[in-house]
C-alpha atoms as a PDB file:
ATOM      1  CA  UNK A   1     -60.504 -13.900   1.751  1.00  0.00           C
ATOM      2  CA  UNK A   2     -58.160 -14.768  -1.183  1.00  0.00           C
ATOM      3  CA  UNK A   3     -55.208 -13.068  -2.346  1.00  0.00           C
ATOM      4  CA  UNK A   4     -56.801 -11.749  -5.453  1.00  0.00           C
ATOM      5  CA  UNK A   5     -59.464  -9.801  -3.476  1.00  0.00           C
ATOM      6  CA  UNK A   6     -59.225  -6.358  -3.651  1.00  0.00           C
ATOM      7  CA  UNK A   7     -61.182  -3.464  -1.941  1.00  0.00           C
ATOM      8  CA  UNK A   8     -63.066  -1.448  -4.308  1.00  0.00           C
ATOM      9  CA  UNK A   9     -61.619   2.351  -4.403  1.00  0.00           C
ATOM     10  CA  UNK A  10     -64.741   4.280  -3.416  1.00  0.00           C
ATOM     11  CA  UNK A  11     -65.329   7.486  -1.439  1.00  0.00           C
ATOM     12  CA  UNK A  12     -67.425   6.908   1.851  1.00  0.00           C
ATOM     13  CA  UNK A  13     -71.225   8.214   0.525  1.00  0.00           C
ATOM     14  CA  UNK A  14     -74.169   8.607   2.746  1.00  0.00           C
ATOM     15  CA  UNK A  15     -76.719   9.277   0.026  1.00  0.00           C
ATOM     16  CA  UNK A  16     -75.349   8.151  -3.531  1.00  0.00           C
ATOM     17  CA  UNK A  17     -76.766   9.058  -6.610  1.00  0.00           C
ATOM     18  CA  UNK A  18     -78.496   5.722  -7.777  1.00  0.00           C
ATOM     19  CA  UNK A  19     -80.070   5.129 -11.316  1.00  0.00           C
ATOM     20  CA  UNK A  20     -81.858   1.818 -11.025  1.00  0.00           C
ATOM     21  CA  UNK A  21     -82.333  -0.202 -14.408  1.00  0.00           C
ATOM     22  CA  UNK A  22     -84.626  -3.539 -14.589  1.00  0.00           C
ATOM     23  CA  UNK A  23     -87.956  -4.269 -16.637  1.00  0.00           C
ATOM     24  CA  UNK A  24     -89.110  -7.752 -14.981  1.00  0.00           C
ATOM     25  CA  UNK A  25     -91.017  -8.387 -11.807  1.00  0.00           C
ATOM     26  CA  UNK A  26     -87.908 -10.291 -10.654  1.00  0.00           C
ATOM     27  CA  UNK A  27     -86.403  -6.517 -10.061  1.00  0.00           C
ATOM     28  CA  UNK A  28     -89.286  -4.956  -8.185  1.00  0.00           C
ATOM     29  CA  UNK A  29     -88.196  -6.222  -4.619  1.00  0.00           C
ATOM     30  CA  UNK A  30     -84.586  -4.814  -4.991  1.00  0.00           C
ATOM     31  CA  UNK A  31     -86.165  -1.603  -5.997  1.00  0.00           C
ATOM     32  CA  UNK A  32     -88.779  -1.665  -3.166  1.00  0.00           C
ATOM     33  CA  UNK A  33     -85.750  -2.366  -0.845  1.00  0.00           C
ATOM     34  CA  UNK A  34     -83.851   0.195  -1.530  1.00  0.00           C
ATOM     35  CA  UNK A  35     -86.362   2.878  -1.226  1.00  0.00           C
ATOM     36  CA  UNK A  36     -87.298   1.329   1.890  1.00  0.00           C
ATOM     37  CA  UNK A  37     -83.537   1.669   3.546  1.00  0.00           C
ATOM     38  CA  UNK A  38     -83.343   5.009   2.288  1.00  0.00           C
ATOM     39  CA  UNK A  39     -81.313   4.733  -0.967  1.00  0.00           C
ATOM     40  CA  UNK A  40     -84.299   6.151  -3.178  1.00  0.00           C
ATOM     41  CA  UNK A  41     -83.031   6.156  -7.047  1.00  0.00           C
ATOM     42  CA  UNK A  42     -82.814   9.578  -8.699  1.00  0.00           C
ATOM     43  CA  UNK A  43     -84.152   7.799 -11.770  1.00  0.00           C
ATOM     44  CA  UNK A  44     -85.367   4.394 -13.220  1.00  0.00           C
ATOM     45  CA  UNK A  45     -84.556   2.917 -16.261  1.00  0.00           C
ATOM     46  CA  UNK A  46     -86.985   0.552 -17.970  1.00  0.00           C
ATOM     47  CA  UNK A  47     -88.438  -0.914 -20.966  1.00  0.00           C
ATOM     48  CA  UNK A  48     -90.700   1.004 -23.400  1.00  0.00           C
ATOM     49  CA  UNK A  49     -94.660   0.698 -22.940  1.00  0.00           C
ATOM     50  CA  UNK A  50     -96.024  -1.979 -25.166  1.00  0.00           C
ATOM     51  CA  UNK A  51     -98.952  -3.887 -26.063  1.00  0.00           C
ATOM     52  CA  UNK A  52     -99.163  -7.155 -23.969  1.00  0.00           C
ATOM     53  CA  UNK A  53    -101.439  -9.795 -23.389  1.00  0.00           C
ATOM     54  CA  UNK A  54    -104.493 -11.236 -25.359  1.00  0.00           C
ATOM     55  CA  UNK A  55    -105.928  -7.653 -25.938  1.00  0.00           C
ATOM     56  CA  UNK A  56    -102.860  -6.334 -26.711  1.00  0.00           C
ATOM     57  CA  UNK A  57    -103.613  -3.348 -24.413  1.00  0.00           C
ATOM     58  CA  UNK A  58    -100.800  -0.902 -23.657  1.00  0.00           C
ATOM     59  CA  UNK A  59     -99.201  -1.499 -20.493  1.00  0.00           C
ATOM     60  CA  UNK A  60     -96.145  -0.553 -18.586  1.00  0.00           C
ATOM     61  CA  UNK A  61     -93.276  -2.932 -17.015  1.00  0.00           C
ATOM     62  CA  UNK A  62     -93.384  -4.117 -13.575  1.00  0.00           C
ATOM     63  CA  UNK A  63     -90.716  -2.098 -12.618  1.00  0.00           C
ATOM     64  CA  UNK A  64     -92.119   1.246 -14.043  1.00  0.00           C
ATOM     65  CA  UNK A  65     -95.328   0.399 -12.414  1.00  0.00           C
ATOM     66  CA  UNK A  66     -93.148   0.045  -8.961  1.00  0.00           C
ATOM     67  CA  UNK A  67     -91.509   3.066  -9.944  1.00  0.00           C
ATOM     68  CA  UNK A  68     -94.711   5.510 -10.203  1.00  0.00           C
ATOM     69  CA  UNK A  69     -95.915   3.537  -7.000  1.00  0.00           C
ATOM     70  CA  UNK A  70     -92.706   4.518  -5.072  1.00  0.00           C
ATOM     71  CA  UNK A  71     -93.041   8.035  -6.210  1.00  0.00           C
ATOM     72  CA  UNK A  72     -89.755   7.969  -8.708  1.00  0.00           C
ATOM     73  CA  UNK A  73     -90.542  10.843 -11.358  1.00  0.00           C
ATOM     74  CA  UNK A  74     -87.567  10.359 -13.383  1.00  0.00           C
ATOM     75  CA  UNK A  75     -88.044   7.363 -15.930  1.00  0.00           C
ATOM     76  CA  UNK A  76     -85.929   6.775 -18.917  1.00  0.00           C
ATOM     77  CA  UNK A  77     -87.546   4.160 -21.248  1.00  0.00           C
ATOM     78  CA  UNK A  78     -84.841   3.662 -24.273  1.00  0.00           C
ATOM     79  CA  UNK A  79     -85.982   1.537 -27.396  1.00  0.00           C
ATOM     80  CA  UNK A  80     -82.276   0.742 -27.845  1.00  0.00           C
ATOM     81  CA  UNK A  81     -79.815   0.637 -25.387  1.00  0.00           C
ATOM     82  CA  UNK A  82     -77.148   1.376 -27.970  1.00  0.00           C
ATOM     83  CA  UNK A  83     -78.343   4.755 -28.850  1.00  0.00           C
ATOM     84  CA  UNK A  84     -76.119   7.276 -27.919  1.00  0.00           C
ATOM     85  CA  UNK A  85     -78.582   9.614 -26.893  1.00  0.00           C
ATOM     86  CA  UNK A  86     -79.895   7.146 -24.175  1.00  0.00           C
ATOM     87  CA  UNK A  87     -75.758   7.000 -22.821  1.00  0.00           C
ATOM     88  CA  UNK A  88     -75.843  10.770 -22.809  1.00  0.00           C
ATOM     89  CA  UNK A  89     -79.367  11.027 -20.703  1.00  0.00           C
ATOM     90  CA  UNK A  90     -77.481   8.719 -18.152  1.00  0.00           C
ATOM     91  CA  UNK A  91     -74.603  10.747 -18.318  1.00  0.00           C
ATOM     92  CA  UNK A  92     -76.349  13.802 -17.562  1.00  0.00           C
ATOM     93  CA  UNK A  93     -77.907  12.294 -14.267  1.00  0.00           C
ATOM     94  CA  UNK A  94     -74.501  12.102 -12.750  1.00  0.00           C
ATOM     95  CA  UNK A  95     -74.995   8.775 -11.059  1.00  0.00           C
ATOM     96  CA  UNK A  96     -72.505   7.409  -8.414  1.00  0.00           C
ATOM     97  CA  UNK A  97     -73.978   3.786  -8.582  1.00  0.00           C
ATOM     98  CA  UNK A  98     -76.096   2.249 -11.230  1.00  0.00           C
ATOM     99  CA  UNK A  99     -77.950  -0.756 -10.426  1.00  0.00           C
ATOM    100  CA  UNK A 100     -79.121  -3.486 -12.816  1.00  0.00           C
ATOM    101  CA  UNK A 101     -81.337  -6.447 -12.210  1.00  0.00           C
ATOM    102  CA  UNK A 102     -83.414  -8.051 -14.881  1.00  0.00           C
ATOM    103  CA  UNK A 103     -82.547  -5.654 -17.690  1.00  0.00           C
ATOM    104  CA  UNK A 104     -80.633  -5.630 -21.129  1.00  0.00           C
ATOM    105  CA  UNK A 105     -76.898  -6.035 -21.907  1.00  0.00           C
ATOM    106  CA  UNK A 106     -75.482  -2.388 -21.402  1.00  0.00           C
ATOM    107  CA  UNK A 107     -72.736  -0.611 -23.567  1.00  0.00           C
ATOM    108  CA  UNK A 108     -69.898   0.698 -21.698  1.00  0.00           C
ATOM    109  CA  UNK A 109     -70.796   4.173 -22.615  1.00  0.00           C
ATOM    110  CA  UNK A 110     -73.635   3.795 -19.976  1.00  0.00           C
ATOM    111  CA  UNK A 111     -72.395   1.677 -17.256  1.00  0.00           C
ATOM    112  CA  UNK A 112     -69.153   3.650 -16.935  1.00  0.00           C
ATOM    113  CA  UNK A 113     -71.064   6.816 -16.369  1.00  0.00           C
ATOM    114  CA  UNK A 114     -71.450   5.704 -12.578  1.00  0.00           C
ATOM    115  CA  UNK A 115     -68.756   7.312 -10.463  1.00  0.00           C
ATOM    116  CA  UNK A 116     -68.528   4.466  -8.108  1.00  0.00           C
ATOM    117  CA  UNK A 117     -69.064   1.452 -10.526  1.00  0.00           C
ATOM    118  CA  UNK A 118     -72.432  -0.478 -12.019  1.00  0.00           C
ATOM    119  CA  UNK A 119     -73.410  -3.716 -10.654  1.00  0.00           C
ATOM    120  CA  UNK A 120     -75.544  -6.623 -11.812  1.00  0.00           C
ATOM    121  CA  UNK A 121     -77.708  -8.742 -10.042  1.00  0.00           C
ATOM    122  CA  UNK A 122     -77.240 -12.328 -11.657  1.00  0.00           C
ATOM    123  CA  UNK A 123     -79.477 -15.429 -10.743  1.00  0.00           C
ATOM    124  CA  UNK A 124     -76.718 -17.920  -9.948  1.00  0.00           C
ATOM    125  CA  UNK A 125     -73.307 -18.542  -8.105  1.00  0.00           C
ATOM    126  CA  UNK A 126     -71.147 -17.075 -10.522  1.00  0.00           C
ATOM    127  CA  UNK A 127     -68.885 -18.200 -12.577  1.00  0.00           C
ATOM    128  CA  UNK A 128     -71.708 -21.077 -13.007  1.00  0.00           C
ATOM    129  CA  UNK A 129     -74.485 -20.367 -15.437  1.00  0.00           C
ATOM    130  CA  UNK A 130     -73.402 -17.567 -17.117  1.00  0.00           C
ATOM    131  CA  UNK A 131     -76.146 -16.443 -19.487  1.00  0.00           C
ATOM    132  CA  UNK A 132     -79.827 -15.788 -20.044  1.00  0.00           C
ATOM    133  CA  UNK A 133     -81.303 -18.740 -18.279  1.00  0.00           C
ATOM    134  CA  UNK A 134     -79.382 -19.424 -14.978  1.00  0.00           C
ATOM    135  CA  UNK A 135     -82.244 -20.692 -13.218  1.00  0.00           C
ATOM    136  CA  UNK A 136     -83.544 -22.677 -15.895  1.00  0.00           C
ATOM    137  CA  UNK A 137     -80.228 -24.503 -16.368  1.00  0.00           C
ATOM    138  CA  UNK A 138     -79.675 -25.065 -12.860  1.00  0.00           C
ATOM    139  CA  UNK A 139     -82.820 -26.868 -12.231  1.00  0.00           C
ATOM    140  CA  UNK A 140     -82.763 -28.725 -15.259  1.00  0.00           C
ATOM    141  CA  UNK A 141     -79.287 -30.270 -14.395  1.00  0.00           C
ATOM    142  CA  UNK A 142     -80.920 -31.208 -11.051  1.00  0.00           C
ATOM    143  CA  UNK A 143     -78.702 -29.064  -8.744  1.00  0.00           C
ATOM    144  CA  UNK A 144     -79.541 -29.146  -5.094  1.00  0.00           C
ATOM    145  CA  UNK A 145     -78.044 -25.609  -4.655  1.00  0.00           C
ATOM    146  CA  UNK A 146     -78.116 -22.179  -6.279  1.00  0.00           C
ATOM    147  CA  UNK A 147     -77.999 -18.650  -5.196  1.00  0.00           C
ATOM    148  CA  UNK A 148     -77.225 -14.786  -6.432  1.00  0.00           C
ATOM    149  CA  UNK A 149     -74.443 -13.045  -7.249  1.00  0.00           C
ATOM    150  CA  UNK A 150     -73.641  -9.292  -7.548  1.00  0.00           C
ATOM    151  CA  UNK A 151     -70.788  -7.896  -9.598  1.00  0.00           C
ATOM    152  CA  UNK A 152     -69.499  -5.019 -11.465  1.00  0.00           C
ATOM    153  CA  UNK A 153     -70.130  -4.523 -15.153  1.00  0.00           C
ATOM    154  CA  UNK A 154     -67.652  -5.408 -17.487  1.00  0.00           C
ATOM    155  CA  UNK A 155     -67.874  -5.509 -21.653  1.00  0.00           C
ATOM    156  CA  UNK A 156     -67.795  -9.172 -21.905  1.00  0.00           C
ATOM    157  CA  UNK A 157     -71.486 -10.267 -20.019  1.00  0.00           C
ATOM    158  CA  UNK A 158     -71.595 -11.870 -16.640  1.00  0.00           C
ATOM    159  CA  UNK A 159     -67.695 -11.883 -15.940  1.00  0.00           C
ATOM    160  CA  UNK A 160     -67.097  -8.855 -14.294  1.00  0.00           C
ATOM    161  CA  UNK A 161     -65.669  -8.797 -10.413  1.00  0.00           C
ATOM    162  CA  UNK A 162     -68.077 -10.258  -7.875  1.00  0.00           C
ATOM    163  CA  UNK A 163     -68.947  -8.443  -4.670  1.00  0.00           C
ATOM    164  CA  UNK A 164     -71.501 -10.419  -2.954  1.00  0.00           C
ATOM    165  CA  UNK A 165     -72.778 -13.984  -3.181  1.00  0.00           C
ATOM    166  CA  UNK A 166     -75.339 -15.413  -1.364  1.00  0.00           C
ATOM    167  CA  UNK A 167     -76.836 -19.186  -1.703  1.00  0.00           C
ATOM    168  CA  UNK A 168     -80.079 -21.037  -1.349  1.00  0.00           C
ATOM    169  CA  UNK A 169     -81.366 -24.665  -1.610  1.00  0.00           C
ATOM    170  CA  UNK A 170     -83.211 -26.116  -4.387  1.00  0.00           C
ATOM    171  CA  UNK A 171     -85.970 -28.619  -3.530  1.00  0.00           C
ATOM    172  CA  UNK A 172     -86.207 -31.832  -5.374  1.00  0.00           C
ATOM    173  CA  UNK A 173     -89.486 -30.909  -6.594  1.00  0.00           C
ATOM    174  CA  UNK A 174     -89.404 -27.372  -7.068  1.00  0.00           C
ATOM    175  CA  UNK A 175     -89.808 -25.434 -10.492  1.00  0.00           C
ATOM    176  CA  UNK A 176     -88.093 -22.770 -11.967  1.00  0.00           C
ATOM    177  CA  UNK A 177     -90.794 -20.346 -11.237  1.00  0.00           C
ATOM    178  CA  UNK A 178     -90.719 -21.213  -7.847  1.00  0.00           C
ATOM    179  CA  UNK A 179     -86.991 -20.737  -7.506  1.00  0.00           C
ATOM    180  CA  UNK A 180     -87.442 -17.380  -9.353  1.00  0.00           C
ATOM    181  CA  UNK A 181     -90.001 -15.898  -6.868  1.00  0.00           C
ATOM    182  CA  UNK A 182     -88.099 -17.114  -3.792  1.00  0.00           C
ATOM    183  CA  UNK A 183     -84.415 -15.820  -5.525  1.00  0.00           C
ATOM    184  CA  UNK A 184     -86.268 -12.538  -6.350  1.00  0.00           C
ATOM    185  CA  UNK A 185     -86.494 -11.829  -2.588  1.00  0.00           C
ATOM    186  CA  UNK A 186     -82.936 -12.922  -1.739  1.00  0.00           C
ATOM    187  CA  UNK A 187     -81.763 -10.886  -4.405  1.00  0.00           C
ATOM    188  CA  UNK A 188     -83.344  -7.900  -3.203  1.00  0.00           C
ATOM    189  CA  UNK A 189     -81.567  -8.082  -0.115  1.00  0.00           C
ATOM    190  CA  UNK A 190     -78.140  -8.683  -1.648  1.00  0.00           C
ATOM    191  CA  UNK A 191     -78.535  -5.754  -3.769  1.00  0.00           C
ATOM    192  CA  UNK A 192     -79.436  -3.246  -0.787  1.00  0.00           C
ATOM    193  CA  UNK A 193     -76.111  -4.875   0.970  1.00  0.00           C
ATOM    194  CA  UNK A 194     -74.121  -4.247  -2.120  1.00  0.00           C
ATOM    195  CA  UNK A 195     -75.202  -0.770  -2.596  1.00  0.00           C
ATOM    196  CA  UNK A 196     -74.214   0.016   1.160  1.00  0.00           C
ATOM    197  CA  UNK A 197     -70.892  -1.675   0.718  1.00  0.00           C
ATOM    198  CA  UNK A 198     -70.278   0.389  -2.139  1.00  0.00           C
ATOM    199  CA  UNK A 199     -71.438   3.529  -0.924  1.00  0.00           C
ATOM    200  CA  UNK A 200     -69.315   3.300   2.463  1.00  0.00           C
ATOM    201  CA  UNK A 201     -66.350   1.980   0.694  1.00  0.00           C
ATOM    202  CA  UNK A 202     -66.144  -1.380   1.953  1.00  0.00           C
ATOM    203  CA  UNK A 203     -66.929  -3.209  -1.191  1.00  0.00           C
ATOM    204  CA  UNK A 204     -64.480  -6.290  -2.129  1.00  0.00           C
ATOM    205  CA  UNK A 205     -64.263  -7.383  -5.355  1.00  0.00           C
ATOM    206  CA  UNK A 206     -63.517 -11.045  -5.996  1.00  0.00           C
ATOM    207  CA  UNK A 207     -62.254 -12.116  -9.741  1.00  0.00           C
ATOM    208  CA  UNK A 208     -64.245 -14.798 -11.050  1.00  0.00           C
ATOM    209  CA  UNK A 209     -62.551 -17.988 -11.687  1.00  0.00           C
ATOM    210  CA  UNK A 210     -63.112 -18.357 -15.780  1.00  0.00           C
ATOM    211  CA  UNK A 211     -61.966 -21.975 -15.723  1.00  0.00           C
ATOM    212  CA  UNK A 212     -64.795 -22.507 -13.845  1.00  0.00           C
ATOM    213  CA  UNK A 213     -67.751 -21.048 -15.659  1.00  0.00           C
ATOM    214  CA  UNK A 214     -70.282 -22.676 -16.989  1.00  0.00           C
ATOM    215  CA  UNK A 215     -73.117 -21.493 -19.697  1.00  0.00           C
ATOM    216  CA  UNK A 216     -76.642 -20.805 -19.269  1.00  0.00           C
ATOM    217  CA  UNK A 217     -78.127 -19.884 -22.864  1.00  0.00           C
ATOM    218  CA  UNK A 218     -81.655 -18.906 -23.295  1.00  0.00           C
ATOM    219  CA  UNK A 219     -84.303 -21.606 -23.663  1.00  0.00           C
ATOM    220  CA  UNK A 220     -86.767 -21.820 -26.311  1.00  0.00           C
ATOM    221  CA  UNK A 221     -89.933 -23.759 -26.911  1.00  0.00           C
ATOM    222  CA  UNK A 222     -87.899 -26.429 -29.008  1.00  0.00           C
ATOM    223  CA  UNK A 223     -85.935 -26.875 -25.957  1.00  0.00           C
ATOM    224  CA  UNK A 224     -88.784 -28.207 -24.237  1.00  0.00           C
ATOM    225  CA  UNK A 225     -89.380 -31.616 -26.263  1.00  0.00           C
ATOM    226  CA  UNK A 226     -89.364 -34.388 -23.359  1.00  0.00           C
ATOM    227  CA  UNK A 227     -86.490 -37.220 -24.387  1.00  0.00           C
ATOM    228  CA  UNK A 228     -88.371 -40.150 -22.430  1.00  0.00           C
ATOM    229  CA  UNK A 229     -85.744 -42.493 -23.241  1.00  0.00           C
ATOM    230  CA  UNK A 230     -83.455 -40.488 -20.403  1.00  0.00           C
ATOM    231  CA  UNK A 231     -83.770 -41.904 -16.750  1.00  0.00           C
ATOM    232  CA  UNK A 232     -87.117 -40.630 -14.767  1.00  0.00           C
ATOM    233  CA  UNK A 233     -85.124 -38.272 -12.481  1.00  0.00           C
ATOM    234  CA  UNK A 234     -83.583 -36.495 -15.689  1.00  0.00           C
ATOM    235  CA  UNK A 235     -87.313 -36.307 -17.039  1.00  0.00           C
ATOM    236  CA  UNK A 236     -88.591 -34.778 -13.921  1.00  0.00           C
ATOM    237  CA  UNK A 237     -85.744 -32.172 -13.968  1.00  0.00           C
ATOM    238  CA  UNK A 238     -86.348 -31.240 -17.192  1.00  0.00           C
ATOM    239  CA  UNK A 239     -90.151 -30.448 -16.733  1.00  0.00           C
ATOM    240  CA  UNK A 240     -89.868 -28.650 -13.365  1.00  0.00           C
ATOM    241  CA  UNK A 241     -86.676 -26.420 -15.284  1.00  0.00           C
ATOM    242  CA  UNK A 242     -88.960 -25.460 -17.621  1.00  0.00           C
ATOM    243  CA  UNK A 243     -92.254 -24.509 -15.281  1.00  0.00           C
ATOM    244  CA  UNK A 244     -93.947 -22.446 -16.132  1.00  0.00           C
ATOM    245  CA  UNK A 245     -92.074 -21.049 -19.171  1.00  0.00           C
ATOM    246  CA  UNK A 246     -91.367 -22.049 -21.860  1.00  0.00           C
ATOM    247  CA  UNK A 247     -92.966 -25.345 -20.623  1.00  0.00           C
ATOM    248  CA  UNK A 248     -91.683 -28.982 -21.318  1.00  0.00           C
ATOM    249  CA  UNK A 249     -93.655 -30.631 -24.142  1.00  0.00           C
ATOM    250  CA  UNK A 250     -94.306 -34.071 -25.540  1.00  0.00           C
ATOM    251  CA  UNK A 251     -96.761 -35.599 -28.090  1.00  0.00           C
ATOM    252  CA  UNK A 252    -100.019 -38.065 -28.029  1.00  0.00           C
ATOM    253  CA  UNK A 253    -100.845 -38.730 -31.684  1.00  0.00           C
ATOM    254  CA  UNK A 254    -101.008 -35.011 -33.229  1.00  0.00           C
ATOM    255  CA  UNK A 255    -101.688 -33.498 -30.104  1.00  0.00           C
ATOM    256  CA  UNK A 256     -99.193 -31.246 -28.259  1.00  0.00           C
ATOM    257  CA  UNK A 257     -99.438 -31.686 -24.568  1.00  0.00           C
ATOM    258  CA  UNK A 258     -97.293 -29.755 -21.980  1.00  0.00           C
ATOM    259  CA  UNK A 259     -96.045 -30.566 -18.636  1.00  0.00           C
ATOM    260  CA  UNK A 260     -95.550 -28.563 -15.681  1.00  0.00           C
ATOM    261  CA  UNK A 261     -94.997 -30.575 -12.753  1.00  0.00           C
ATOM    262  CA  UNK A 262     -94.110 -34.207 -11.967  1.00  0.00           C
ATOM    263  CA  UNK A 263     -92.987 -36.689  -9.482  1.00  0.00           C
ATOM    264  CA  UNK A 264     -90.867 -39.545  -9.470  1.00  0.00           C
ATOM    265  CA  UNK A 265     -93.094 -42.691  -9.684  1.00  0.00           C
ATOM    266  CA  UNK A 266     -92.879 -46.490  -9.668  1.00  0.00           C
ATOM    267  CA  UNK A 267     -93.322 -48.294 -13.038  1.00  0.00           C
ATOM    268  CA  UNK A 268     -91.473 -49.779 -15.594  1.00  0.00           C
ATOM    269  CA  UNK A 269     -92.143 -49.884 -19.334  1.00  0.00           C
ATOM    270  CA  UNK A 270     -91.050 -48.841 -23.092  1.00  0.00           C
ATOM    271  CA  UNK A 271     -90.033 -45.048 -22.662  1.00  0.00           C
ATOM    272  CA  UNK A 272     -92.987 -42.818 -23.512  1.00  0.00           C
ATOM    273  CA  UNK A 273     -95.578 -45.400 -22.429  1.00  0.00           C
ATOM    274  CA  UNK A 274     -98.490 -44.576 -20.482  1.00  0.00           C
ATOM    275  CA  UNK A 275     -98.650 -47.150 -17.592  1.00  0.00           C
ATOM    276  CA  UNK A 276    -101.628 -45.396 -15.910  1.00  0.00           C
ATOM    277  CA  UNK A 277    -104.136 -43.124 -17.342  1.00  0.00           C
ATOM    278  CA  UNK A 278    -107.127 -43.527 -15.404  1.00  0.00           C
ATOM    279  CA  UNK A 279    -106.872 -41.147 -12.298  1.00  0.00           C
ATOM    280  CA  UNK A 280    -103.191 -40.932 -12.531  1.00  0.00           C
ATOM    281  CA  UNK A 281    -100.894 -40.238 -15.304  1.00  0.00           C
ATOM    282  CA  UNK A 282     -97.628 -42.165 -14.957  1.00  0.00           C
ATOM    283  CA  UNK A 283     -95.009 -42.397 -18.041  1.00  0.00           C
ATOM    284  CA  UNK A 284     -92.399 -44.910 -18.347  1.00  0.00           C
ATOM    285  CA  UNK A 285     -89.052 -43.446 -19.065  1.00  0.00           C
ATOM    286  CA  UNK A 286     -85.920 -44.823 -19.874  1.00  0.00           C
ATOM    287  CA  UNK A 287     -85.167 -45.979 -16.264  1.00  0.00           C
ATOM    288  CA  UNK A 288     -88.240 -46.117 -13.781  1.00  0.00           C
ATOM    289  CA  UNK A 289     -91.341 -43.636 -14.622  1.00  0.00           C
ATOM    290  CA  UNK A 290     -92.943 -40.039 -13.839  1.00  0.00           C
ATOM    291  CA  UNK A 291     -96.063 -39.452 -12.497  1.00  0.00           C
ATOM    292  CA  UNK A 292     -97.235 -35.813 -14.296  1.00  0.00           C
ATOM    293  CA  UNK A 293     -99.319 -33.874 -11.938  1.00  0.00           C
ATOM    294  CA  UNK A 294    -100.141 -30.604 -14.007  1.00  0.00           C
ATOM    295  CA  UNK A 295    -100.923 -30.877 -17.639  1.00  0.00           C
ATOM    296  CA  UNK A 296    -102.155 -28.400 -20.582  1.00  0.00           C
ATOM    297  CA  UNK A 297    -103.504 -29.645 -24.195  1.00  0.00           C
ATOM    298  CA  UNK A 298    -102.148 -27.002 -26.673  1.00  0.00           C
ATOM    299  CA  UNK A 299    -104.681 -24.238 -26.824  1.00  0.00           C
ATOM    300  CA  UNK A 300    -106.188 -24.861 -23.674  1.00  0.00           C
ATOM    301  CA  UNK A 301    -105.723 -24.144 -19.902  1.00  0.00           C
ATOM    302  CA  UNK A 302    -103.502 -25.813 -17.606  1.00  0.00           C
ATOM    303  CA  UNK A 303    -104.880 -28.390 -15.101  1.00  0.00           C
ATOM    304  CA  UNK A 304    -104.393 -30.630 -12.554  1.00  0.00           C
ATOM    305  CA  UNK A 305    -103.977 -33.797 -14.115  1.00  0.00           C
ATOM    306  CA  UNK A 306    -107.055 -35.294 -12.335  1.00  0.00           C
ATOM    307  CA  UNK A 307    -109.304 -32.881 -14.205  1.00  0.00           C
ATOM    308  CA  UNK A 308    -107.143 -32.873 -17.357  1.00  0.00           C
ATOM    309  CA  UNK A 309    -108.073 -36.861 -17.526  1.00  0.00           C
ATOM    310  CA  UNK A 310    -111.749 -36.088 -17.000  1.00  0.00           C
ATOM    311  CA  UNK A 311    -112.036 -34.411 -20.837  1.00  0.00           C
ATOM    312  CA  UNK A 312    -108.932 -36.143 -22.549  1.00  0.00           C
ATOM    313  CA  UNK A 313    -109.007 -39.670 -22.857  1.00  0.00           C
ATOM    314  CA  UNK A 314    -105.476 -41.684 -21.996  1.00  0.00           C
ATOM    315  CA  UNK A 315    -105.191 -45.308 -21.320  1.00  0.00           C
ATOM    316  CA  UNK A 316    -102.211 -47.847 -20.598  1.00  0.00           C
ATOM    317  CA  UNK A 317    -100.470 -48.637 -23.917  1.00  0.00           C
ATOM    318  CA  UNK A 318    -100.912 -45.196 -25.234  1.00  0.00           C
ATOM    319  CA  UNK A 319     -97.530 -43.632 -26.194  1.00  0.00           C
ATOM    320  CA  UNK A 320     -95.894 -40.148 -26.045  1.00  0.00           C
ATOM    321  CA  UNK A 321     -93.338 -39.087 -28.709  1.00  0.00           C
ATOM    322  CA  UNK A 322     -91.491 -35.872 -29.632  1.00  0.00           C
END
């Protein structure tokens, strides 16, 4: 351990009063792990019930559904976390620990309500990839390793003292969605261990090296455009890094096509040119080529490329463009 490390000052707690905050499916395994280990939260904070899906039926967040299934009766669903009434409601719970997983950015009035501290689970090895899309950015960059970090909340996002880190490999063809699903299980284990250490007074806090920080800004649809002039490996990383959301895309004439899975292929040609378009879909890049494996025409279903090509004609010499 480095000299800059310090013990987090806590009192030993057998059963800390925990408030759990999360919305997305990524936050469900950690909540389940806590309950199974005897650290049942006294309350869960999640997003409001909203219309979702094509039918716009009112539905609850994955975390609310899990909380109800686990028998947690106290639920807070603020429209705005900046609302003073929300801070007052959290303070009234007298929490020892606030656990934040896949939730919103909290104001100090909320996270300082926890007597022993509030911590967040982040999907990277901080200080790398601070921001909203750490998994996307790591895969898009072609990293071979990522991980999770728990850290105490501070006013500046993703900068607080680190408590625990665990690493995990990124396979050469894995997508962001696949990493996400493996990471949420690893994250659940790390959240549980972090709570244990805070509760029993053994949490060690390591300051982040700000000079090593990198950013992971949110990805938008416009970020998905495929630049075929880049080397095949970079194009492949771009496609898998944006799969399944928002999806890497290109155009064939006026038709927008999304690519969700690919692999490096043999071939050479002008960037964006279809080299094979019968049973396989191979496209030339700035260096080398990629084979597209899962494709979706705008407004239609995502399909394996063999099925896609049965209904969408592509021939060698056709060109994809931005």
